[in-house]
Protein backbone atom coordinates (compact mmCIF):
# COMPACT_ATOMS: atom_id res chain seq x y z
CA MET A 1 27.79 28.23 -46.70
CA ARG A 2 28.62 29.38 -43.20
CA GLN A 3 30.27 27.03 -40.74
CA LYS A 4 27.23 27.24 -38.45
CA ASP A 5 24.97 26.09 -41.27
CA ASN A 6 27.30 23.16 -42.02
CA LEU A 7 27.19 22.02 -38.39
CA LEU A 8 23.41 22.26 -38.25
CA ASP A 9 23.13 20.27 -41.45
CA ILE A 10 25.40 17.60 -39.99
CA ALA A 11 23.27 17.41 -36.87
CA ARG A 12 20.07 17.15 -38.91
CA ASP A 13 21.58 14.34 -40.99
CA VAL A 14 22.61 12.41 -37.88
CA LEU A 15 19.20 12.74 -36.25
CA SER A 16 17.43 11.78 -39.46
CA ALA A 17 19.64 8.71 -39.94
CA GLU A 18 19.11 7.52 -36.38
CA ALA A 19 15.36 8.16 -36.54
CA GLU A 20 15.18 6.13 -39.76
CA ALA A 21 17.14 3.31 -38.11
CA ILE A 22 14.55 3.08 -35.32
CA ILE A 23 11.58 3.29 -37.67
CA ALA A 24 13.06 0.47 -39.79
CA LEU A 25 12.93 -1.82 -36.73
CA ILE A 26 9.13 -1.74 -36.70
CA ALA A 27 8.71 -3.76 -39.88
CA ARG A 28 11.21 -6.36 -38.64
CA LEU A 29 9.43 -7.16 -35.40
CA ASP A 30 8.20 -10.75 -35.52
CA SER A 31 7.29 -13.75 -33.37
CA ASN A 32 10.84 -13.78 -31.98
CA PHE A 33 10.06 -10.59 -30.06
CA GLU A 34 6.88 -12.08 -28.61
CA LYS A 35 8.74 -15.26 -27.71
CA ALA A 36 11.52 -13.27 -26.04
CA VAL A 37 9.03 -11.37 -23.90
CA GLU A 38 7.19 -14.53 -22.85
CA THR A 39 10.45 -16.36 -22.15
CA ILE A 40 11.76 -13.61 -19.89
CA PHE A 41 8.34 -13.20 -18.25
CA SER A 42 8.15 -16.91 -17.43
CA SER A 43 11.76 -17.28 -16.31
CA SER A 44 12.55 -18.21 -12.72
CA GLY A 45 16.09 -16.86 -13.13
CA ARG A 46 17.57 -13.51 -13.97
CA THR A 47 18.15 -11.76 -17.25
CA VAL A 48 21.84 -11.31 -18.07
CA VAL A 49 22.73 -8.62 -20.62
CA THR A 50 26.14 -8.64 -22.27
CA GLY A 51 27.85 -6.56 -24.93
CA MET A 52 31.32 -5.27 -25.77
CA GLY A 53 32.40 -1.66 -26.22
CA LYS A 54 29.60 0.73 -27.16
CA SER A 55 27.17 -2.19 -27.29
CA GLY A 56 28.15 -2.92 -23.72
CA LEU A 57 27.27 0.61 -22.66
CA ILE A 58 23.89 0.21 -24.32
CA GLY A 59 23.56 -3.15 -22.58
CA LYS A 60 24.13 -1.54 -19.19
CA LYS A 61 21.31 0.90 -19.84
CA ILE A 62 18.98 -1.89 -20.98
CA ALA A 63 19.85 -3.90 -17.87
CA ALA A 64 19.11 -0.89 -15.68
CA THR A 65 15.76 -0.28 -17.40
CA LEU A 66 14.72 -3.90 -17.06
CA SER A 67 15.70 -4.00 -13.39
CA SER A 68 13.83 -0.79 -12.59
CA THR A 69 10.66 -2.16 -14.18
CA GLY A 70 10.51 -5.43 -12.30
CA THR A 71 12.75 -7.79 -14.30
CA PRO A 72 15.81 -8.78 -12.21
CA THR A 73 18.73 -8.10 -14.55
CA ILE A 74 22.51 -7.90 -14.36
CA PHE A 75 25.14 -6.79 -16.86
CA LEU A 76 27.95 -9.22 -17.64
CA HIS A 77 31.11 -7.83 -19.23
CA PRO A 78 32.04 -10.41 -21.90
CA ALA A 79 35.79 -9.98 -21.44
CA GLU A 80 35.55 -10.47 -17.68
CA ALA A 81 33.17 -13.41 -18.18
CA GLY A 82 36.02 -15.61 -19.38
CA HIS A 83 37.99 -14.83 -16.24
CA GLY A 84 35.47 -16.07 -13.69
CA ASP A 85 32.41 -13.87 -14.07
CA LEU A 86 30.59 -16.62 -15.97
CA GLY A 87 29.88 -17.94 -12.50
CA MET A 88 27.12 -15.32 -12.37
CA VAL A 89 25.15 -17.20 -15.03
CA THR A 90 22.97 -20.18 -14.11
CA ALA A 91 20.89 -22.56 -16.20
CA GLU A 92 17.72 -20.72 -15.14
CA ASP A 93 18.97 -17.40 -16.48
CA ILE A 94 18.40 -15.82 -19.87
CA VAL A 95 21.22 -14.09 -21.74
CA ILE A 96 20.66 -11.12 -24.04
CA ALA A 97 23.76 -10.61 -26.18
CA ILE A 98 24.20 -7.35 -28.12
CA SER A 99 26.55 -7.08 -31.08
CA ASN A 100 26.16 -4.95 -34.19
CA SER A 101 28.26 -7.27 -36.34
CA GLY A 102 27.32 -10.48 -34.60
CA GLU A 103 30.98 -11.47 -34.88
CA THR A 104 32.40 -9.91 -31.71
CA ASP A 105 35.06 -12.33 -30.42
CA GLU A 106 34.36 -11.74 -26.73
CA ILE A 107 30.67 -12.48 -27.27
CA LEU A 108 31.22 -15.57 -29.42
CA ARG A 109 33.57 -17.06 -26.81
CA LEU A 110 30.61 -17.18 -24.41
CA ILE A 111 28.50 -19.31 -26.74
CA PRO A 112 29.99 -22.75 -25.82
CA TYR A 113 29.33 -22.12 -22.11
CA ILE A 114 25.81 -20.89 -22.80
CA LYS A 115 25.01 -23.92 -24.93
CA ARG A 116 26.64 -26.37 -22.56
CA PHE A 117 24.38 -25.34 -19.71
CA ASN A 118 21.28 -24.87 -21.89
CA VAL A 119 21.01 -21.19 -21.09
CA THR A 120 18.47 -19.42 -23.32
CA LEU A 121 20.19 -16.95 -25.64
CA ILE A 122 18.45 -13.90 -27.10
CA SER A 123 20.56 -11.88 -29.51
CA MET A 124 20.29 -8.30 -30.67
CA THR A 125 22.31 -8.37 -33.86
CA LYS A 126 22.07 -8.74 -37.64
CA PRO A 127 20.55 -11.80 -39.33
CA GLY A 128 22.99 -14.35 -40.74
CA SER A 129 25.78 -13.51 -38.32
CA SER A 130 27.48 -16.12 -36.15
CA LEU A 131 25.69 -14.79 -33.07
CA ALA A 132 22.31 -14.82 -34.81
CA ARG A 133 22.74 -18.42 -36.00
CA THR A 134 23.47 -19.71 -32.51
CA SER A 135 20.68 -17.78 -30.78
CA ASP A 136 17.37 -19.16 -29.60
CA MET A 137 15.71 -15.88 -30.53
CA LEU A 138 16.94 -13.09 -32.80
CA LEU A 139 15.90 -9.47 -32.39
CA ASP A 140 17.01 -7.90 -35.65
CA VAL A 141 18.66 -4.54 -34.87
CA SER A 142 20.68 -4.27 -38.08
CA VAL A 143 20.99 -0.86 -39.72
CA LYS A 144 21.73 0.12 -43.30
CA GLY A 145 24.57 2.36 -42.16
CA GLU A 146 25.89 4.45 -39.32
CA ALA A 147 25.03 8.13 -38.99
CA CYS A 148 28.75 8.78 -38.96
CA PRO A 149 30.01 9.80 -42.47
CA ILE A 150 32.99 7.48 -42.25
CA GLU A 151 30.75 4.52 -41.35
CA ILE A 152 32.89 3.58 -38.35
CA VAL A 153 31.54 5.25 -35.20
CA PRO A 154 28.64 3.29 -33.62
CA THR A 155 25.71 5.71 -33.87
CA SER A 156 22.62 4.41 -35.66
CA SER A 157 23.45 0.85 -34.56
CA THR A 158 23.63 1.68 -30.86
CA THR A 159 20.50 3.82 -31.10
CA ALA A 160 18.62 0.92 -32.71
CA ALA A 161 19.78 -1.51 -30.01
CA LEU A 162 18.79 0.91 -27.27
CA ALA A 163 15.34 1.40 -28.79
CA MET A 164 14.82 -2.36 -29.08
CA GLY A 165 15.82 -2.73 -25.42
CA ASP A 166 13.24 -0.11 -24.46
CA ALA A 167 10.60 -1.90 -26.52
CA LEU A 168 11.44 -5.14 -24.73
CA ALA A 169 11.30 -3.50 -21.30
CA VAL A 170 7.98 -1.76 -21.94
CA ALA A 171 6.40 -4.92 -23.37
CA LEU A 172 7.57 -6.82 -20.28
CA LEU A 173 6.30 -4.27 -17.78
CA THR A 174 2.93 -4.28 -19.56
CA ARG A 175 2.89 -8.10 -19.51
CA LYS A 176 3.63 -8.02 -15.78
CA GLY A 177 0.91 -5.46 -15.06
CA PHE A 178 3.59 -3.16 -13.66
CA ARG A 179 2.11 -0.03 -12.01
CA GLU A 180 3.32 3.36 -10.79
CA GLU A 181 3.35 1.96 -7.26
CA ASP A 182 5.67 -0.87 -8.34
CA PHE A 183 8.01 1.58 -10.06
CA ALA A 184 8.12 3.66 -6.87
CA ILE A 185 9.23 0.65 -4.84
CA PHE A 186 12.40 0.41 -6.96
CA HIS A 187 12.88 4.21 -6.87
CA PRO A 188 12.34 5.14 -3.20
CA ASN A 189 14.66 8.15 -3.43
CA GLY A 190 13.09 9.56 -6.59
CA SER A 191 10.28 12.11 -6.63
CA LEU A 192 7.73 9.52 -7.75
CA GLY A 193 8.85 7.11 -5.06
CA LYS A 194 8.44 9.75 -2.40
CA LYS A 195 4.99 10.70 -3.63
CA LEU A 196 3.79 7.10 -3.69
CA LEU A 197 5.56 5.68 -0.65
CA VAL A 198 5.98 8.36 2.02
CA ARG A 199 3.02 8.53 4.39
CA VAL A 200 1.91 11.13 6.89
CA GLU A 201 3.08 9.02 9.83
CA ASP A 202 6.60 8.99 8.34
CA LEU A 203 6.88 12.79 8.52
CA MET A 204 4.58 13.92 11.32
CA HIS A 205 5.70 15.40 14.63
CA SER A 206 4.69 13.15 17.50
CA GLY A 207 5.06 12.76 21.26
CA GLU A 208 6.59 15.73 23.06
CA SER A 209 7.04 17.64 19.82
CA ILE A 210 3.28 18.09 19.37
CA PRO A 211 2.14 21.54 20.57
CA ILE A 212 -0.85 20.92 22.87
CA VAL A 213 -2.79 23.13 25.29
CA ASN A 214 -5.97 22.65 27.31
CA VAL A 215 -9.11 24.57 26.38
CA ASN A 216 -8.76 26.49 29.65
CA ALA A 217 -5.13 27.48 29.06
CA PRO A 218 -4.52 31.27 29.09
CA MET A 219 -3.60 32.68 25.74
CA THR A 220 -0.25 33.76 27.17
CA ASP A 221 0.60 30.09 27.82
CA THR A 222 -0.87 29.14 24.46
CA THR A 223 1.38 31.51 22.51
CA LEU A 224 4.40 30.28 24.47
CA GLU A 225 3.55 26.68 23.56
CA MET A 226 3.22 27.63 19.91
CA SER A 227 6.53 29.49 20.01
CA SER A 228 8.44 26.69 21.75
CA LYS A 229 7.26 23.94 19.36
CA MET A 230 7.81 26.16 16.29
CA LEU A 231 5.03 24.74 14.12
CA GLY A 232 2.99 27.92 13.92
CA MET A 233 0.03 26.28 15.64
CA THR A 234 -1.14 24.30 18.63
CA VAL A 235 -3.71 21.60 19.17
CA VAL A 236 -6.35 22.47 21.77
CA CYS A 237 -7.69 19.54 23.82
CA ASP A 238 -10.55 19.20 26.27
CA ASP A 239 -10.22 17.90 29.82
CA ASN A 240 -10.35 14.32 28.51
CA GLY A 241 -7.43 14.89 26.15
CA LEU A 242 -9.64 14.81 23.06
CA ILE A 243 -9.06 17.21 20.17
CA ALA A 244 -11.32 20.24 20.57
CA GLY A 245 -9.77 22.67 18.11
CA ILE A 246 -6.68 24.40 16.76
CA ILE A 247 -5.04 27.80 17.13
CA THR A 248 -2.59 29.06 14.52
CA ASP A 249 -0.32 32.07 14.20
CA GLY A 250 -2.95 33.53 11.92
CA ASP A 251 -5.62 33.13 14.60
CA VAL A 252 -3.41 35.05 17.05
CA ARG A 253 -2.92 37.88 14.56
CA ARG A 254 -6.62 38.04 13.80
CA GLY A 255 -7.37 37.94 17.53
CA LEU A 256 -5.11 40.91 18.18
CA HIS A 257 -6.87 42.83 15.43
CA LYS A 258 -10.28 41.90 16.89
CA TRP A 259 -9.68 42.08 20.65
CA GLY A 260 -6.38 43.90 21.04
CA ALA A 261 -4.51 43.30 24.31
CA LYS A 262 -7.61 41.60 25.76
CA LEU A 263 -6.68 38.56 23.66
CA PHE A 264 -4.12 37.58 26.30
CA GLU A 265 -6.78 37.64 29.02
CA MET A 266 -8.78 35.00 27.14
CA ARG A 267 -8.66 31.20 27.22
CA ALA A 268 -7.62 28.95 24.35
CA GLY A 269 -11.13 27.55 24.04
CA GLU A 270 -12.47 31.02 23.29
CA VAL A 271 -10.05 31.63 20.43
CA MET A 272 -9.65 28.21 18.85
CA LEU A 273 -11.09 27.09 15.55
CA ARG A 274 -13.38 24.13 16.14
CA LYS A 275 -13.41 21.08 13.86
CA PRO A 276 -9.86 21.56 12.53
CA LYS A 277 -8.67 19.83 9.38
CA SER A 278 -7.15 16.45 10.13
CA ILE A 279 -5.71 13.45 8.31
CA SER A 280 -4.98 9.81 9.06
CA GLY A 281 -1.38 8.79 9.58
CA ASP A 282 -1.54 6.07 6.93
CA ILE A 283 -2.49 8.51 4.16
CA LEU A 284 0.16 9.51 1.61
CA ALA A 285 2.01 12.71 2.45
CA ALA A 286 1.25 13.91 -1.07
CA LYS A 287 -2.46 13.84 -0.17
CA ALA A 288 -1.77 15.90 2.94
CA LEU A 289 -0.03 18.47 0.74
CA SER A 290 -3.06 18.57 -1.55
CA ILE A 291 -5.40 19.23 1.38
CA MET A 292 -3.16 22.01 2.69
CA GLU A 293 -3.02 23.67 -0.71
CA GLU A 294 -6.78 23.37 -1.18
CA HIS A 295 -7.56 25.05 2.16
CA SER A 296 -4.55 27.43 2.25
CA ILE A 297 -3.28 26.03 5.55
CA THR A 298 0.17 24.88 6.65
CA SER A 299 -0.54 22.01 9.04
CA LEU A 300 -2.89 19.11 9.70
CA ILE A 301 -3.64 17.32 12.95
CA VAL A 302 -3.26 13.54 12.95
CA PRO A 303 -5.75 12.03 15.44
CA ASP A 304 -5.57 8.52 16.86
CA GLU A 305 -8.53 6.15 16.92
CA ASN A 306 -9.88 7.88 20.04
CA ASN A 307 -9.54 11.41 18.61
CA ARG A 308 -6.50 12.24 20.70
CA PRO A 309 -3.60 13.99 18.96
CA ALA A 310 -1.14 11.39 17.60
CA GLY A 311 0.81 13.89 15.55
CA VAL A 312 0.96 17.04 13.48
CA ILE A 313 2.25 17.26 9.91
CA HIS A 314 3.49 20.61 8.62
CA LEU A 315 3.81 21.87 5.07
CA HIS A 316 7.56 22.37 5.43
CA ASP A 317 8.06 18.74 6.50
CA ILE A 318 6.51 17.60 3.22
CA LEU A 319 8.33 20.02 0.96
CA LYS A 320 11.78 19.47 2.43
CA ASN A 321 11.36 15.76 1.74
CA GLY A 322 10.99 16.45 -1.96
CA ILE A 323 7.25 15.89 -2.21
CA ALA A 324 5.67 18.58 -4.33
């Protein structure tokens, strides 16, 4: 057999073993899982995740997932805990301890402190272990063997613990009624956060940066205003300062094709498009993008409550902020 085939077979065996380890968890889910979810949901404190070595790395990911879905969570390194970091844990908190063997020294040394202060302990480990016996709730993440052929490298066991952590996090976010909008609050710099949090008023050009001309302005002045403000358009207002229309670069090009040089002898009110597309400043910028795409335009006017121009939002302002 070729070396490439051997490597592919190894990979298939590893993936199969880890998939089987996760599937085996399903039959072992019991009332302890439900109790763990309800306990964390009802807690007035934080969730503290701890684990040593590879279990600790998995614990950090679980802590991050819980935090990002509305459950305040920290990771406590068990070795550092005995040197002062136990001060992070209060009686109102809940500890989730992860250990494949359930006999990890650094984890077991935390048990007297946890019990002394009546901190609720949820373990992710194997039944019958020292950690399991001292836990208030056991989430059985035991595996029949590692995917590693020498049965040493944490593979299936860490995958099982990670999957159980995900199951816990998803059950909790469902119990909390967690929504996309809530997720966006904790991810303001992510693409979803930007789509759900950034509003038109956050990106629009306002004040002196708004290109504005009067309906009676000569087209020579109008094109200069458009050029100086560099938005490819200008708002056209009546004598009372109310929005009367819009002129875009495209309107100027079409005007040259229609009227030739006479275009620059005309007034803005003769060239403008009446009833331009507009949007409220408190609308999501993602909605503004949708309107622009639907009508094949690159800007929207933002009127105030009196129909005076409060701002202009341009397609490029939306896209450069990662909203697409």
